[in-house]
Amino acid sequence: MATVVDNSISGARSALELDGAVERRSCHSMTVASDKGSELTSSTMLKWQQDRRVEWRYIASNNSVQTGFVESFNGCLRDECLNEQLFCSYRHVLDLIHN
């Protein structure tokens, strides 16, 4: 839905990014599956979920089978892009990722 470049992503930032993804895709109803990372279980995200009537399903801890597509994408991004470059700034990473 989105590739976010940063060294830390808060619940508020996650909610903002999800709003953008929902708007870009014109979603009217959705279910989100995620791990139980602190940014996705914060009070900000719980309020976002309730305000938008989003169904949320948490995957089992350390179960990459349940998130196979995402794990595969992250592995390819890391191996084929991030590990092959030297970055001098976040802007440099953003330019590479988004172009």
PDB file of N, CA and C in Angstrom:
ATOM      1  N   MET A   1       0.810  -1.188   0.000  1.00  0.00           N
ATOM      2  CA  MET A   1       0.000   0.000   0.000  1.00  0.00           C
ATOM      3  C   MET A   1       0.859   1.259   0.000  1.00  0.00           C
ATOM      4  N   ALA A   2       2.004   1.174   0.695  1.00  0.00           N
ATOM      5  CA  ALA A   2       2.900   2.333   0.743  1.00  0.00           C
ATOM      6  C   ALA A   2       4.284   1.865   1.166  1.00  0.00           C
ATOM      7  N   THR A   3       5.291   2.510   0.649  1.00  0.00           N
ATOM      8  CA  THR A   3       6.661   2.262   1.079  1.00  0.00           C
ATOM      9  C   THR A   3       7.115   3.520   1.804  1.00  0.00           C
ATOM     10  N   VAL A   4       7.285   3.402   3.099  1.00  0.00           N
ATOM     11  CA  VAL A   4       7.623   4.539   3.945  1.00  0.00           C
ATOM     12  C   VAL A   4       9.090   4.428   4.344  1.00  0.00           C
ATOM     13  N   VAL A   5       9.838   5.486   4.097  1.00  0.00           N
ATOM     14  CA  VAL A   5      11.256   5.510   4.422  1.00  0.00           C
ATOM     15  C   VAL A   5      11.456   6.385   5.648  1.00  0.00           C
ATOM     16  N   ASP A   6      11.937   5.773   6.727  1.00  0.00           N
ATOM     17  CA  ASP A   6      12.246   6.513   7.947  1.00  0.00           C
ATOM     18  C   ASP A   6      12.960   5.564   8.888  1.00  0.00           C
ATOM     19  N   ASN A   7      13.526   6.099   9.947  1.00  0.00           N
ATOM     20  CA  ASN A   7      14.201   5.225  10.899  1.00  0.00           C
ATOM     21  C   ASN A   7      13.282   4.783  12.026  1.00  0.00           C
ATOM     22  N   SER A   8      12.140   5.412  12.162  1.00  0.00           N
ATOM     23  CA  SER A   8      11.152   5.039  13.159  1.00  0.00           C
ATOM     24  C   SER A   8       9.793   5.535  12.683  1.00  0.00           C
ATOM     25  N   ILE A   9       8.771   4.715  12.840  1.00  0.00           N
ATOM     26  CA  ILE A   9       7.440   5.098  12.376  1.00  0.00           C
ATOM     27  C   ILE A   9       6.466   4.950  13.539  1.00  0.00           C
ATOM     28  N   SER A  10       5.848   6.040  13.934  1.00  0.00           N
ATOM     29  CA  SER A  10       4.919   6.054  15.067  1.00  0.00           C
ATOM     30  C   SER A  10       3.527   5.602  14.636  1.00  0.00           C
ATOM     31  N   GLY A  11       2.671   5.429  15.605  1.00  0.00           N
ATOM     32  CA  GLY A  11       1.277   5.113  15.307  1.00  0.00           C
ATOM     33  C   GLY A  11       0.610   6.237  14.534  1.00  0.00           C
ATOM     34  N   ALA A  12       0.912   7.480  14.900  1.00  0.00           N
ATOM     35  CA  ALA A  12       0.328   8.625  14.189  1.00  0.00           C
ATOM     36  C   ALA A  12       0.788   8.643  12.733  1.00  0.00           C
ATOM     37  N   ARG A  13       2.053   8.360  12.498  1.00  0.00           N
ATOM     38  CA  ARG A  13       2.573   8.318  11.118  1.00  0.00           C
ATOM     39  C   ARG A  13       1.945   7.161  10.354  1.00  0.00           C
ATOM     40  N   SER A  14       1.789   6.011  11.010  1.00  0.00           N
ATOM     41  CA  SER A  14       1.150   4.856  10.369  1.00  0.00           C
ATOM     42  C   SER A  14      -0.280   5.196   9.960  1.00  0.00           C
ATOM     43  N   ALA A  15      -1.007   5.880  10.844  1.00  0.00           N
ATOM     44  CA  ALA A  15      -2.384   6.275  10.533  1.00  0.00           C
ATOM     45  C   ALA A  15      -2.421   7.234   9.353  1.00  0.00           C
ATOM     46  N   LEU A  16      -1.508   8.193   9.330  1.00  0.00           N
ATOM     47  CA  LEU A  16      -1.431   9.148   8.224  1.00  0.00           C
ATOM     48  C   LEU A  16      -1.150   8.423   6.906  1.00  0.00           C
ATOM     49  N   GLU A  17      -0.202   7.491   6.921  1.00  0.00           N
ATOM     50  CA  GLU A  17       0.137   6.742   5.713  1.00  0.00           C
ATOM     51  C   GLU A  17      -1.031   5.864   5.257  1.00  0.00           C
ATOM     52  N   LEU A  18      -1.732   5.261   6.200  1.00  0.00           N
ATOM     53  CA  LEU A  18      -2.903   4.450   5.843  1.00  0.00           C
ATOM     54  C   LEU A  18      -4.004   5.309   5.240  1.00  0.00           C
ATOM     55  N   ASP A  19      -4.223   6.501   5.797  1.00  0.00           N
ATOM     56  CA  ASP A  19      -5.210   7.413   5.205  1.00  0.00           C
ATOM     57  C   ASP A  19      -4.860   7.720   3.749  1.00  0.00           C
ATOM     58  N   GLY A  20      -3.582   7.979   3.487  1.00  0.00           N
ATOM     59  CA  GLY A  20      -3.147   8.256   2.121  1.00  0.00           C
ATOM     60  C   GLY A  20      -3.370   7.074   1.201  1.00  0.00           C
ATOM     61  N   ALA A  21      -3.062   5.880   1.681  1.00  0.00           N
ATOM     62  CA  ALA A  21      -3.241   4.680   0.870  1.00  0.00           C
ATOM     63  C   ALA A  21      -4.719   4.426   0.587  1.00  0.00           C
ATOM     64  N   VAL A  22      -5.556   4.629   1.581  1.00  0.00           N
ATOM     65  CA  VAL A  22      -6.997   4.443   1.403  1.00  0.00           C
ATOM     66  C   VAL A  22      -7.531   5.433   0.373  1.00  0.00           C
ATOM     67  N   GLU A  23      -7.087   6.677   0.468  1.00  0.00           N
ATOM     68  CA  GLU A  23      -7.518   7.701  -0.481  1.00  0.00           C
ATOM     69  C   GLU A  23      -7.057   7.383  -1.911  1.00  0.00           C
ATOM     70  N   ARG A  24      -5.808   6.966  -2.058  1.00  0.00           N
ATOM     71  CA  ARG A  24      -5.283   6.631  -3.389  1.00  0.00           C
ATOM     72  C   ARG A  24      -6.016   5.454  -4.014  1.00  0.00           C
ATOM     73  N   ARG A  25      -6.444   4.522  -3.201  1.00  0.00           N
ATOM     74  CA  ARG A  25      -7.095   3.317  -3.713  1.00  0.00           C
ATOM     75  C   ARG A  25      -8.616   3.390  -3.659  1.00  0.00           C
ATOM     76  N   SER A  26      -9.160   4.474  -3.148  1.00  0.00           N
ATOM     77  CA  SER A  26     -10.618   4.663  -3.037  1.00  0.00           C
ATOM     78  C   SER A  26     -11.289   3.483  -2.336  1.00  0.00           C
ATOM     79  N   CYS A  27     -10.707   3.065  -1.222  1.00  0.00           N
ATOM     80  CA  CYS A  27     -11.281   1.960  -0.453  1.00  0.00           C
ATOM     81  C   CYS A  27     -12.473   2.457   0.359  1.00  0.00           C
ATOM     82  N   HIS A  28     -13.523   1.646   0.392  1.00  0.00           N
ATOM     83  CA  HIS A  28     -14.705   2.011   1.178  1.00  0.00           C
ATOM     84  C   HIS A  28     -14.843   1.141   2.416  1.00  0.00           C
ATOM     85  N   SER A  29     -14.364  -0.071   2.325  1.00  0.00           N
ATOM     86  CA  SER A  29     -14.333  -0.941   3.493  1.00  0.00           C
ATOM     87  C   SER A  29     -13.073  -1.776   3.375  1.00  0.00           C
ATOM     88  N   MET A  30     -12.509  -2.121   4.520  1.00  0.00           N
ATOM     89  CA  MET A  30     -11.277  -2.885   4.447  1.00  0.00           C
ATOM     90  C   MET A  30     -11.023  -3.654   5.718  1.00  0.00           C
ATOM     91  N   THR A  31     -10.164  -4.628   5.549  1.00  0.00           N
ATOM     92  CA  THR A  31      -9.625  -5.397   6.656  1.00  0.00           C
ATOM     93  C   THR A  31      -8.110  -5.274   6.576  1.00  0.00           C
ATOM     94  N   VAL A  32      -7.487  -5.018   7.693  1.00  0.00           N
ATOM     95  CA  VAL A  32      -6.036  -4.905   7.753  1.00  0.00           C
ATOM     96  C   VAL A  32      -5.511  -6.090   8.552  1.00  0.00           C
ATOM     97  N   ALA A  33      -4.500  -6.737   8.028  1.00  0.00           N
ATOM     98  CA  ALA A  33      -3.794  -7.797   8.758  1.00  0.00           C
ATOM     99  C   ALA A  33      -2.405  -7.273   9.075  1.00  0.00           C
ATOM    100  N   SER A  34      -2.001  -7.376  10.313  1.00  0.00           N
ATOM    101  CA  SER A  34      -0.686  -6.852  10.704  1.00  0.00           C
ATOM    102  C   SER A  34      -0.108  -7.667  11.850  1.00  0.00           C
ATOM    103  N   ASP A  35       1.167  -7.411  12.106  1.00  0.00           N
ATOM    104  CA  ASP A  35       1.769  -7.967  13.307  1.00  0.00           C
ATOM    105  C   ASP A  35       1.364  -7.067  14.480  1.00  0.00           C
ATOM    106  N   LYS A  36       1.903  -7.350  15.640  1.00  0.00           N
ATOM    107  CA  LYS A  36       1.538  -6.572  16.829  1.00  0.00           C
ATOM    108  C   LYS A  36       2.620  -5.563  17.198  1.00  0.00           C
ATOM    109  N   GLY A  37       3.220  -4.957  16.168  1.00  0.00           N
ATOM    110  CA  GLY A  37       4.225  -3.931  16.405  1.00  0.00           C
ATOM    111  C   GLY A  37       3.627  -2.760  17.169  1.00  0.00           C
ATOM    112  N   SER A  38       4.455  -2.100  17.955  1.00  0.00           N
ATOM    113  CA  SER A  38       3.958  -1.021  18.824  1.00  0.00           C
ATOM    114  C   SER A  38       3.278   0.098  18.031  1.00  0.00           C
ATOM    115  N   GLU A  39       3.764   0.392  16.813  1.00  0.00           N
ATOM    116  CA  GLU A  39       3.131   1.446  16.011  1.00  0.00           C
ATOM    117  C   GLU A  39       1.735   1.044  15.547  1.00  0.00           C
ATOM    118  N   LEU A  40       1.449  -0.256  15.499  1.00  0.00           N
ATOM    119  CA  LEU A  40       0.145  -0.733  15.014  1.00  0.00           C
ATOM    120  C   LEU A  40      -0.807  -1.093  16.149  1.00  0.00           C
ATOM    121  N   THR A  41      -0.342  -1.049  17.377  1.00  0.00           N
ATOM    122  CA  THR A  41      -1.201  -1.325  18.525  1.00  0.00           C
ATOM    123  C   THR A  41      -1.327  -0.109  19.437  1.00  0.00           C
ATOM    124  N   SER A  42      -0.823   1.027  18.991  1.00  0.00           N
ATOM    125  CA  SER A  42      -0.873   2.245  19.800  1.00  0.00           C
ATOM    126  C   SER A  42      -2.305   2.756  19.913  1.00  0.00           C
ATOM    127  N   SER A  43      -2.535   3.615  20.878  1.00  0.00           N
ATOM    128  CA  SER A  43      -3.873   4.188  21.048  1.00  0.00           C
ATOM    129  C   SER A  43      -4.277   4.998  19.814  1.00  0.00           C
ATOM    130  N   THR A  44      -3.316   5.626  19.154  1.00  0.00           N
ATOM    131  CA  THR A  44      -3.611   6.390  17.935  1.00  0.00           C
ATOM    132  C   THR A  44      -4.146   5.478  16.842  1.00  0.00           C
ATOM    133  N   MET A  45      -3.504   4.319  16.653  1.00  0.00           N
ATOM    134  CA  MET A  45      -3.961   3.389  15.620  1.00  0.00           C
ATOM    135  C   MET A  45      -5.292   2.761  15.994  1.00  0.00           C
ATOM    136  N   LEU A  46      -5.496   2.450  17.267  1.00  0.00           N
ATOM    137  CA  LEU A  46      -6.776   1.885  17.691  1.00  0.00           C
ATOM    138  C   LEU A  46      -7.904   2.880  17.445  1.00  0.00           C
ATOM    139  N   LYS A  47      -7.649   4.163  17.710  1.00  0.00           N
ATOM    140  CA  LYS A  47      -8.661   5.194  17.435  1.00  0.00           C
ATOM    141  C   LYS A  47      -8.895   5.317  15.935  1.00  0.00           C
ATOM    142  N   TRP A  48      -7.825   5.287  15.133  1.00  0.00           N
ATOM    143  CA  TRP A  48      -7.957   5.344  13.669  1.00  0.00           C
ATOM    144  C   TRP A  48      -8.840   4.207  13.183  1.00  0.00           C
ATOM    145  N   GLN A  49      -8.557   3.024  13.684  1.00  0.00           N
ATOM    146  CA  GLN A  49      -9.317   1.828  13.298  1.00  0.00           C
ATOM    147  C   GLN A  49     -10.797   1.979  13.665  1.00  0.00           C
ATOM    148  N   GLN A  50     -11.079   2.422  14.860  1.00  0.00           N
ATOM    149  CA  GLN A  50     -12.463   2.586  15.307  1.00  0.00           C
ATOM    150  C   GLN A  50     -13.179   3.689  14.531  1.00  0.00           C
ATOM    151  N   ASP A  51     -12.521   4.825  14.329  1.00  0.00           N
ATOM    152  CA  ASP A  51     -13.135   5.948  13.621  1.00  0.00           C
ATOM    153  C   ASP A  51     -13.517   5.582  12.190  1.00  0.00           C
ATOM    154  N   ARG A  52     -12.739   4.713  11.567  1.00  0.00           N
ATOM    155  CA  ARG A  52     -12.961   4.361  10.160  1.00  0.00           C
ATOM    156  C   ARG A  52     -13.647   3.010   9.992  1.00  0.00           C
ATOM    157  N   ARG A  53     -14.001   2.393  11.109  1.00  0.00           N
ATOM    158  CA  ARG A  53     -14.674   1.087  11.113  1.00  0.00           C
ATOM    159  C   ARG A  53     -13.895   0.044  10.297  1.00  0.00           C
ATOM    160  N   VAL A  54     -12.612  -0.009  10.567  1.00  0.00           N
ATOM    161  CA  VAL A  54     -11.726  -0.951   9.887  1.00  0.00           C
ATOM    162  C   VAL A  54     -11.627  -2.218  10.727  1.00  0.00           C
ATOM    163  N   GLU A  55     -11.815  -3.353  10.077  1.00  0.00           N
ATOM    164  CA  GLU A  55     -11.603  -4.625  10.762  1.00  0.00           C
ATOM    165  C   GLU A  55     -10.099  -4.884  10.801  1.00  0.00           C
ATOM    166  N   TRP A  56      -9.594  -5.265  11.962  1.00  0.00           N
ATOM    167  CA  TRP A  56      -8.162  -5.474  12.130  1.00  0.00           C
ATOM    168  C   TRP A  56      -7.921  -6.901  12.586  1.00  0.00           C
ATOM    169  N   ARG A  57      -7.029  -7.590  11.924  1.00  0.00           N
ATOM    170  CA  ARG A  57      -6.661  -8.954  12.297  1.00  0.00           C
ATOM    171  C   ARG A  57      -5.161  -9.007  12.547  1.00  0.00           C
ATOM    172  N   TYR A  58      -4.802  -9.507  13.700  1.00  0.00           N
ATOM    173  CA  TYR A  58      -3.383  -9.636  14.029  1.00  0.00           C
ATOM    174  C   TYR A  58      -2.903 -11.032  13.661  1.00  0.00           C
ATOM    175  N   ILE A  59      -1.743 -11.106  13.028  1.00  0.00           N
ATOM    176  CA  ILE A  59      -1.159 -12.395  12.676  1.00  0.00           C
ATOM    177  C   ILE A  59      -0.437 -12.960  13.883  1.00  0.00           C
ATOM    178  N   ALA A  60      -0.184 -14.254  13.843  1.00  0.00           N
ATOM    179  CA  ALA A  60       0.544 -14.903  14.923  1.00  0.00           C
ATOM    180  C   ALA A  60       1.974 -14.355  14.971  1.00  0.00           C
ATOM    181  N   SER A  61       2.506 -14.236  16.151  1.00  0.00           N
ATOM    182  CA  SER A  61       3.878 -13.739  16.319  1.00  0.00           C
ATOM    183  C   SER A  61       4.868 -14.640  15.593  1.00  0.00           C
ATOM    184  N   ASN A  62       5.832 -14.014  14.918  1.00  0.00           N
ATOM    185  CA  ASN A  62       6.898 -14.731  14.213  1.00  0.00           C
ATOM    186  C   ASN A  62       6.375 -15.750  13.206  1.00  0.00           C
ATOM    187  N   ASN A  63       5.268 -15.430  12.538  1.00  0.00           N
ATOM    188  CA  ASN A  63       4.704 -16.346  11.547  1.00  0.00           C
ATOM    189  C   ASN A  63       4.745 -15.680  10.182  1.00  0.00           C
ATOM    190  N   SER A  64       5.907 -15.763   9.526  1.00  0.00           N
ATOM    191  CA  SER A  64       6.064 -15.112   8.229  1.00  0.00           C
ATOM    192  C   SER A  64       5.223 -15.762   7.143  1.00  0.00           C
ATOM    193  N   VAL A  65       4.719 -16.964   7.375  1.00  0.00           N
ATOM    194  CA  VAL A  65       3.848 -17.621   6.395  1.00  0.00           C
ATOM    195  C   VAL A  65       2.567 -16.807   6.205  1.00  0.00           C
ATOM    196  N   GLN A  66       2.062 -16.202   7.285  1.00  0.00           N
ATOM    197  CA  GLN A  66       0.831 -15.426   7.211  1.00  0.00           C
ATOM    198  C   GLN A  66       1.022 -14.098   6.490  1.00  0.00           C
ATOM    199  N   THR A  67       2.247 -13.666   6.332  1.00  0.00           N
ATOM    200  CA  THR A  67       2.530 -12.419   5.631  1.00  0.00           C
ATOM    201  C   THR A  67       3.530 -12.666   4.505  1.00  0.00           C
ATOM    202  N   GLY A  68       3.371 -13.779   3.824  1.00  0.00           N
ATOM    203  CA  GLY A  68       4.323 -14.200   2.801  1.00  0.00           C
ATOM    204  C   GLY A  68       4.597 -13.158   1.736  1.00  0.00           C
ATOM    205  N   PHE A  69       3.552 -12.507   1.225  1.00  0.00           N
ATOM    206  CA  PHE A  69       3.734 -11.506   0.176  1.00  0.00           C
ATOM    207  C   PHE A  69       4.584 -10.346   0.674  1.00  0.00           C
ATOM    208  N   VAL A  70       4.260  -9.850   1.856  1.00  0.00           N
ATOM    209  CA  VAL A  70       4.990  -8.716   2.422  1.00  0.00           C
ATOM    210  C   VAL A  70       6.430  -9.106   2.736  1.00  0.00           C
ATOM    211  N   GLU A  71       6.619 -10.284   3.335  1.00  0.00           N
ATOM    212  CA  GLU A  71       7.972 -10.740   3.653  1.00  0.00           C
ATOM    213  C   GLU A  71       8.803 -10.893   2.385  1.00  0.00           C
ATOM    214  N   SER A  72       8.192 -11.420   1.325  1.00  0.00           N
ATOM    215  CA  SER A  72       8.898 -11.585   0.051  1.00  0.00           C
ATOM    216  C   SER A  72       9.275 -10.223  -0.533  1.00  0.00           C
ATOM    217  N   PHE A  73       8.319  -9.288  -0.533  1.00  0.00           N
ATOM    218  CA  PHE A  73       8.590  -7.945  -1.044  1.00  0.00           C
ATOM    219  C   PHE A  73       9.717  -7.281  -0.263  1.00  0.00           C
ATOM    220  N   ASN A  74       9.637  -7.335   1.075  1.00  0.00           N
ATOM    221  CA  ASN A  74      10.668  -6.708   1.907  1.00  0.00           C
ATOM    222  C   ASN A  74      12.044  -7.324   1.645  1.00  0.00           C
ATOM    223  N   GLY A  75      12.093  -8.646   1.486  1.00  0.00           N
ATOM    224  CA  GLY A  75      13.356  -9.312   1.202  1.00  0.00           C
ATOM    225  C   GLY A  75      13.936  -8.873  -0.132  1.00  0.00           C
ATOM    226  N   CYS A  76      13.096  -8.806  -1.160  1.00  0.00           N
ATOM    227  CA  CYS A  76      13.563  -8.361  -2.487  1.00  0.00           C
ATOM    228  C   CYS A  76      14.009  -6.904  -2.454  1.00  0.00           C
ATOM    229  N   LEU A  77      13.249  -6.039  -1.792  1.00  0.00           N
ATOM    230  CA  LEU A  77      13.623  -4.630  -1.681  1.00  0.00           C
ATOM    231  C   LEU A  77      14.984  -4.493  -1.000  1.00  0.00           C
ATOM    232  N   ARG A  78      15.170  -5.233   0.077  1.00  0.00           N
ATOM    233  CA  ARG A  78      16.437  -5.178   0.800  1.00  0.00           C
ATOM    234  C   ARG A  78      17.585  -5.717  -0.059  1.00  0.00           C
ATOM    235  N   ASP A  79      17.390  -6.909  -0.657  1.00  0.00           N
ATOM    236  CA  ASP A  79      18.468  -7.558  -1.413  1.00  0.00           C
ATOM    237  C   ASP A  79      18.799  -6.847  -2.724  1.00  0.00           C
ATOM    238  N   GLU A  80      17.786  -6.420  -3.449  1.00  0.00           N
ATOM    239  CA  GLU A  80      17.992  -5.881  -4.789  1.00  0.00           C
ATOM    240  C   GLU A  80      18.164  -4.368  -4.839  1.00  0.00           C
ATOM    241  N   CYS A  81      17.868  -3.702  -3.739  1.00  0.00           N
ATOM    242  CA  CYS A  81      17.944  -2.239  -3.748  1.00  0.00           C
ATOM    243  C   CYS A  81      18.766  -1.712  -2.570  1.00  0.00           C
ATOM    244  N   LEU A  82      18.269  -1.915  -1.371  1.00  0.00           N
ATOM    245  CA  LEU A  82      18.886  -1.281  -0.201  1.00  0.00           C
ATOM    246  C   LEU A  82      20.302  -1.782   0.064  1.00  0.00           C
ATOM    247  N   ASN A  83      20.548  -3.077  -0.112  1.00  0.00           N
ATOM    248  CA  ASN A  83      21.885  -3.621   0.129  1.00  0.00           C
ATOM    249  C   ASN A  83      22.858  -3.321  -1.001  1.00  0.00           C
ATOM    250  N   GLU A  84      22.373  -2.804  -2.116  1.00  0.00           N
ATOM    251  CA  GLU A  84      23.213  -2.537  -3.285  1.00  0.00           C
ATOM    252  C   GLU A  84      23.612  -1.066  -3.399  1.00  0.00           C
ATOM    253  N   GLN A  85      23.123  -0.238  -2.503  1.00  0.00           N
ATOM    254  CA  GLN A  85      23.334   1.202  -2.608  1.00  0.00           C
ATOM    255  C   GLN A  85      24.010   1.750  -1.357  1.00  0.00           C
ATOM    256  N   LEU A  86      24.707   2.849  -1.524  1.00  0.00           N
ATOM    257  CA  LEU A  86      25.170   3.652  -0.403  1.00  0.00           C
ATOM    258  C   LEU A  86      24.355   4.938  -0.424  1.00  0.00           C
ATOM    259  N   PHE A  87      23.687   5.239   0.666  1.00  0.00           N
ATOM    260  CA  PHE A  87      22.795   6.390   0.723  1.00  0.00           C
ATOM    261  C   PHE A  87      23.428   7.510   1.531  1.00  0.00           C
ATOM    262  N   CYS A  88      23.255   8.726   1.049  1.00  0.00           N
ATOM    263  CA  CYS A  88      23.809   9.870   1.769  1.00  0.00           C
ATOM    264  C   CYS A  88      22.731  10.645   2.528  1.00  0.00           C
ATOM    265  N   SER A  89      21.447  10.309   2.285  1.00  0.00           N
ATOM    266  CA  SER A  89      20.362  11.010   2.970  1.00  0.00           C
ATOM    267  C   SER A  89      19.054  10.238   2.788  1.00  0.00           C
ATOM    268  N   TYR A  90      18.061  10.583   3.598  1.00  0.00           N
ATOM    269  CA  TYR A  90      16.731   9.998   3.408  1.00  0.00           C
ATOM    270  C   TYR A  90      16.168  10.401   2.047  1.00  0.00           C
ATOM    271  N   ARG A  91      16.435  11.615   1.634  1.00  0.00           N
ATOM    272  CA  ARG A  91      15.962  12.092   0.322  1.00  0.00           C
ATOM    273  C   ARG A  91      16.477  11.174  -0.796  1.00  0.00           C
ATOM    274  N   HIS A  92      17.747  10.783  -0.687  1.00  0.00           N
ATOM    275  CA  HIS A  92      18.351   9.872  -1.673  1.00  0.00           C
ATOM    276  C   HIS A  92      17.591   8.539  -1.708  1.00  0.00           C
ATOM    277  N   VAL A  93      17.280   8.001  -0.534  1.00  0.00           N
ATOM    278  CA  VAL A  93      16.521   6.742  -0.450  1.00  0.00           C
ATOM    279  C   VAL A  93      15.137   6.927  -1.058  1.00  0.00           C
ATOM    280  N   LEU A  94      14.472   8.000  -0.684  1.00  0.00           N
ATOM    281  CA  LEU A  94      13.122   8.274  -1.216  1.00  0.00           C
ATOM    282  C   LEU A  94      13.129   8.385  -2.736  1.00  0.00           C
ATOM    283  N   ASP A  95      14.101   9.094  -3.269  1.00  0.00           N
ATOM    284  CA  ASP A  95      14.189   9.236  -4.727  1.00  0.00           C
ATOM    285  C   ASP A  95      14.364   7.884  -5.400  1.00  0.00           C
ATOM    286  N   LEU A  96      15.212   7.052  -4.828  1.00  0.00           N
ATOM    287  CA  LEU A  96      15.455   5.735  -5.413  1.00  0.00           C
ATOM    288  C   LEU A  96      14.216   4.833  -5.313  1.00  0.00           C
ATOM    289  N   ILE A  97      13.585   4.813  -4.174  1.00  0.00           N
ATOM    290  CA  ILE A  97      12.428   3.945  -3.927  1.00  0.00           C
ATOM    291  C   ILE A  97      11.233   4.367  -4.774  1.00  0.00           C
ATOM    292  N   HIS A  98      11.005   5.647  -4.882  1.00  0.00           N
ATOM    293  CA  HIS A  98       9.785   6.140  -5.544  1.00  0.00           C
ATOM    294  C   HIS A  98       9.949   6.402  -7.033  1.00  0.00           C
ATOM    295  N   ASN A  99      11.102   6.144  -7.587  1.00  0.00           N
ATOM    296  CA  ASN A  99      11.296   6.333  -9.033  1.00  0.00           C
ATOM    297  C   ASN A  99      11.615   5.034  -9.727  1.00  0.00           C
TER     298      ASN A  99
END
